[in-house]
Amino acid sequence: EAEDLESLETPMTIVNPVMGVWPKDAPDAQEEVLLRFEQGRCIAVNGKALKPLQVLQLCNEIAGRNGLGISQALENRILGT
């Protein structure tokens, strides 16, 4: 099904990230992010008030451009169901 990706000899770098960059391509400069929470929910990112979906989208964008969450992948699936 996944052809080359299923081979243990194939590095995952054959995949082009669509939501970010590889850690080696991320900026070297640190990016500071300020999150504001009220009643357990994040309501603002870097001082900008946002709706929950907007918070998630912006945090994904920030993490992606900094190469977070892309060095490991875990797949769990059941075939034939």
N, C-alpha and C. Protein backbone atom coordinates (compact mmCIF):
# COMPACT_ATOMS: atom_id res chain seq x y z
N GLU A 1 0.82 -1.19 0.00
CA GLU A 1 0.00 0.00 0.00
C GLU A 1 0.87 1.26 0.00
N ALA A 2 1.85 1.34 0.91
CA ALA A 2 2.68 2.54 0.99
C ALA A 2 3.99 2.38 0.24
N GLU A 3 4.18 1.24 -0.39
CA GLU A 3 5.34 0.93 -1.21
C GLU A 3 6.66 1.26 -0.52
N ASP A 4 7.41 2.25 -1.02
CA ASP A 4 8.74 2.54 -0.48
C ASP A 4 8.72 2.88 1.00
N LEU A 5 7.68 3.52 1.47
CA LEU A 5 7.63 3.91 2.88
C LEU A 5 7.57 2.71 3.82
N GLU A 6 7.11 1.56 3.33
CA GLU A 6 7.02 0.38 4.18
C GLU A 6 8.35 -0.33 4.33
N SER A 7 9.33 0.03 3.53
CA SER A 7 10.64 -0.58 3.64
C SER A 7 11.42 0.06 4.78
N LEU A 8 12.01 -0.75 5.64
CA LEU A 8 12.80 -0.23 6.75
C LEU A 8 14.07 0.45 6.27
N GLU A 9 14.45 0.22 5.03
CA GLU A 9 15.67 0.82 4.49
C GLU A 9 15.41 2.19 3.86
N THR A 10 14.17 2.57 3.74
CA THR A 10 13.82 3.86 3.14
C THR A 10 13.68 4.90 4.23
N PRO A 11 14.44 6.00 4.14
CA PRO A 11 14.29 7.05 5.15
C PRO A 11 12.98 7.80 4.97
N MET A 12 12.44 8.33 6.05
CA MET A 12 11.17 9.05 5.95
C MET A 12 11.33 10.38 5.23
N THR A 13 12.56 10.78 4.95
CA THR A 13 12.79 12.06 4.27
C THR A 13 12.33 12.03 2.81
N ILE A 14 11.87 10.89 2.31
CA ILE A 14 11.33 10.88 0.95
C ILE A 14 9.97 11.58 0.90
N VAL A 15 9.40 11.82 2.08
CA VAL A 15 8.11 12.50 2.16
C VAL A 15 8.34 14.00 2.25
N ASN A 16 7.57 14.78 1.49
CA ASN A 16 7.64 16.23 1.59
C ASN A 16 6.60 16.69 2.59
N PRO A 17 7.05 17.34 3.68
CA PRO A 17 6.09 17.79 4.69
C PRO A 17 5.13 18.84 4.10
N VAL A 18 3.86 18.70 4.38
CA VAL A 18 2.89 19.67 3.86
C VAL A 18 2.47 20.69 4.92
N MET A 19 2.70 20.36 6.20
CA MET A 19 2.31 21.28 7.27
C MET A 19 3.51 21.89 7.97
N GLY A 20 4.69 21.71 7.43
CA GLY A 20 5.85 22.25 8.11
C GLY A 20 7.13 21.97 7.34
N VAL A 21 8.22 21.97 8.09
CA VAL A 21 9.54 21.73 7.51
C VAL A 21 10.26 20.68 8.34
N TRP A 22 11.25 20.05 7.74
CA TRP A 22 12.10 19.13 8.49
C TRP A 22 12.87 19.94 9.52
N PRO A 23 13.16 19.37 10.69
CA PRO A 23 13.91 20.12 11.72
C PRO A 23 15.20 20.73 11.19
N LYS A 24 15.89 20.06 10.28
CA LYS A 24 17.13 20.60 9.73
C LYS A 24 16.89 21.86 8.91
N ASP A 25 15.67 22.06 8.43
CA ASP A 25 15.34 23.24 7.62
C ASP A 25 14.65 24.33 8.43
N ALA A 26 14.43 24.07 9.71
CA ALA A 26 13.77 25.05 10.57
C ALA A 26 14.75 26.17 10.92
N PRO A 27 14.23 27.35 11.26
CA PRO A 27 15.11 28.45 11.63
C PRO A 27 15.92 28.13 12.88
N ASP A 28 17.12 28.67 12.95
CA ASP A 28 17.96 28.48 14.14
C ASP A 28 17.54 29.41 15.28
N ALA A 29 16.90 30.50 14.93
CA ALA A 29 16.47 31.47 15.95
C ALA A 29 15.27 30.94 16.72
N GLN A 30 15.27 31.20 18.01
CA GLN A 30 14.15 30.80 18.87
C GLN A 30 12.95 31.69 18.61
N GLU A 31 11.77 31.10 18.55
CA GLU A 31 10.53 31.86 18.40
C GLU A 31 9.74 31.75 19.70
N GLU A 32 9.46 32.86 20.31
CA GLU A 32 8.70 32.85 21.56
C GLU A 32 7.21 32.98 21.26
N VAL A 33 6.41 32.16 21.93
CA VAL A 33 4.96 32.15 21.73
C VAL A 33 4.29 32.31 23.09
N LEU A 34 3.38 33.24 23.18
CA LEU A 34 2.66 33.49 24.42
C LEU A 34 1.21 33.03 24.26
N LEU A 35 0.80 32.11 25.12
CA LEU A 35 -0.57 31.59 25.10
C LEU A 35 -1.30 32.12 26.33
N ARG A 36 -2.55 32.56 26.14
CA ARG A 36 -3.36 33.02 27.27
C ARG A 36 -4.55 32.08 27.42
N PHE A 37 -4.75 31.63 28.67
CA PHE A 37 -5.82 30.68 28.97
C PHE A 37 -6.84 31.31 29.91
N GLU A 38 -8.09 30.99 29.69
CA GLU A 38 -9.18 31.33 30.60
C GLU A 38 -10.05 30.10 30.77
N GLN A 39 -10.32 29.74 32.00
CA GLN A 39 -11.14 28.57 32.32
C GLN A 39 -10.64 27.31 31.60
N GLY A 40 -9.32 27.18 31.51
CA GLY A 40 -8.72 25.99 30.91
C GLY A 40 -8.66 25.98 29.40
N ARG A 41 -9.10 27.04 28.76
CA ARG A 41 -9.07 27.10 27.29
C ARG A 41 -8.16 28.21 26.81
N CYS A 42 -7.41 27.91 25.77
CA CYS A 42 -6.54 28.93 25.18
C CYS A 42 -7.42 29.90 24.40
N ILE A 43 -7.33 31.18 24.75
CA ILE A 43 -8.18 32.18 24.11
C ILE A 43 -7.39 33.20 23.30
N ALA A 44 -6.04 33.16 23.42
CA ALA A 44 -5.23 34.13 22.69
C ALA A 44 -3.84 33.55 22.45
N VAL A 45 -3.27 33.91 21.30
CA VAL A 45 -1.90 33.54 20.96
C VAL A 45 -1.16 34.83 20.62
N ASN A 46 -0.06 35.05 21.32
CA ASN A 46 0.75 36.26 21.13
C ASN A 46 -0.09 37.54 21.23
N GLY A 47 -1.01 37.54 22.18
CA GLY A 47 -1.83 38.72 22.44
C GLY A 47 -3.02 38.91 21.52
N LYS A 48 -3.20 38.01 20.58
CA LYS A 48 -4.32 38.11 19.63
C LYS A 48 -5.43 37.15 20.06
N ALA A 49 -6.61 37.69 20.36
CA ALA A 49 -7.75 36.86 20.75
C ALA A 49 -8.22 36.05 19.55
N LEU A 50 -8.43 34.76 19.80
CA LEU A 50 -8.81 33.85 18.72
C LEU A 50 -9.87 32.87 19.20
N LYS A 51 -10.62 32.34 18.24
CA LYS A 51 -11.57 31.26 18.50
C LYS A 51 -10.78 29.95 18.58
N PRO A 52 -11.35 28.91 19.20
CA PRO A 52 -10.60 27.66 19.38
C PRO A 52 -9.98 27.10 18.10
N LEU A 53 -10.72 27.07 17.03
CA LEU A 53 -10.17 26.54 15.78
C LEU A 53 -9.02 27.41 15.29
N GLN A 54 -9.13 28.71 15.43
CA GLN A 54 -8.06 29.61 15.01
C GLN A 54 -6.80 29.41 15.86
N VAL A 55 -6.99 29.15 17.15
CA VAL A 55 -5.85 28.87 18.03
C VAL A 55 -5.12 27.64 17.52
N LEU A 56 -5.85 26.57 17.25
CA LEU A 56 -5.27 25.33 16.76
C LEU A 56 -4.54 25.55 15.43
N GLN A 57 -5.17 26.25 14.52
CA GLN A 57 -4.55 26.49 13.21
C GLN A 57 -3.27 27.30 13.34
N LEU A 58 -3.30 28.36 14.16
CA LEU A 58 -2.12 29.20 14.31
C LEU A 58 -0.99 28.44 15.01
N CYS A 59 -1.33 27.68 16.04
CA CYS A 59 -0.31 26.89 16.72
C CYS A 59 0.30 25.84 15.80
N ASN A 60 -0.50 25.22 14.95
CA ASN A 60 0.02 24.27 13.97
C ASN A 60 0.95 24.97 12.99
N GLU A 61 0.60 26.16 12.57
CA GLU A 61 1.44 26.94 11.66
C GLU A 61 2.79 27.28 12.30
N ILE A 62 2.74 27.74 13.54
CA ILE A 62 3.97 28.09 14.26
C ILE A 62 4.85 26.86 14.46
N ALA A 63 4.24 25.78 14.91
CA ALA A 63 5.00 24.54 15.13
C ALA A 63 5.57 24.02 13.82
N GLY A 64 4.78 24.05 12.77
CA GLY A 64 5.24 23.55 11.48
C GLY A 64 6.45 24.29 10.95
N ARG A 65 6.43 25.60 11.02
CA ARG A 65 7.56 26.35 10.48
C ARG A 65 8.82 26.19 11.32
N ASN A 66 8.66 25.67 12.54
CA ASN A 66 9.80 25.42 13.41
C ASN A 66 10.20 23.94 13.46
N GLY A 67 9.56 23.13 12.63
CA GLY A 67 9.94 21.72 12.51
C GLY A 67 9.52 20.85 13.67
N LEU A 68 8.53 21.28 14.43
CA LEU A 68 8.08 20.47 15.57
C LEU A 68 7.15 19.35 15.11
N GLY A 69 7.29 18.21 15.74
CA GLY A 69 6.37 17.10 15.52
C GLY A 69 6.55 16.36 14.22
N ILE A 70 7.67 16.54 13.56
CA ILE A 70 7.80 15.90 12.27
C ILE A 70 8.90 14.83 12.25
N SER A 71 9.67 14.72 13.32
CA SER A 71 10.77 13.77 13.31
C SER A 71 10.34 12.34 13.64
N GLN A 72 9.15 12.17 14.21
CA GLN A 72 8.65 10.83 14.49
C GLN A 72 7.23 10.70 13.93
N ALA A 73 6.94 9.50 13.51
CA ALA A 73 5.58 9.22 13.03
C ALA A 73 5.15 7.88 13.59
N LEU A 74 3.91 7.80 13.99
CA LEU A 74 3.37 6.56 14.52
C LEU A 74 2.09 6.28 13.76
N GLU A 75 1.99 5.06 13.27
CA GLU A 75 0.79 4.69 12.54
C GLU A 75 0.17 3.48 13.20
N ASN A 76 -1.12 3.52 13.33
CA ASN A 76 -1.85 2.40 13.89
C ASN A 76 -3.08 2.21 13.02
N ARG A 77 -3.19 1.06 12.41
CA ARG A 77 -4.35 0.84 11.55
C ARG A 77 -4.70 -0.64 11.53
N ILE A 78 -5.92 -0.90 11.22
CA ILE A 78 -6.40 -2.26 11.06
C ILE A 78 -6.90 -2.39 9.63
N LEU A 79 -6.31 -3.33 8.91
CA LEU A 79 -6.67 -3.54 7.52
C LEU A 79 -7.76 -4.60 7.41
N GLY A 80 -8.57 -4.48 6.42
CA GLY A 80 -9.55 -5.50 6.13
C GLY A 80 -10.82 -5.41 6.97
N THR A 81 -11.06 -4.26 7.59
CA THR A 81 -12.28 -4.16 8.40
C THR A 81 -13.33 -3.40 7.66
